[in-house]
Amino acid sequence: MTRHWTIRQAPRMDGRLALVTGATGGLGYQTALGLASRGARVILTGRNPDKGLAALTRLQLDAPGADATFRLLDVSSSLSGWAFCG
């Protein structure tokens, strides 16, 4: 019989900061949700501010008490990267 891994088996991430690219949906969102549910402070990033705020709202509903924010970032643009860092 195969045992399946779940996020509950991951170590606690309290005191850690995670920046998740493409966090407005799909694998990026699930990654952000998993990290937040384990106690990490999470910065969700994406190119679309409307999708980003929707993802942040959803994450806060899915993981009550999560320490999460959304920041605009287009990883294909160096100008976006500089703006993100500055």
Foldseek 3Di string as FASTA:
>chain_A
DDDDDDLVPDAADAPAEEEFEPCLDDPSVVVQLSNQLSHHQYEYEYADVVSQVVSVVVSCVSRPPGNYYYDYADPVDVVRVVVRVD
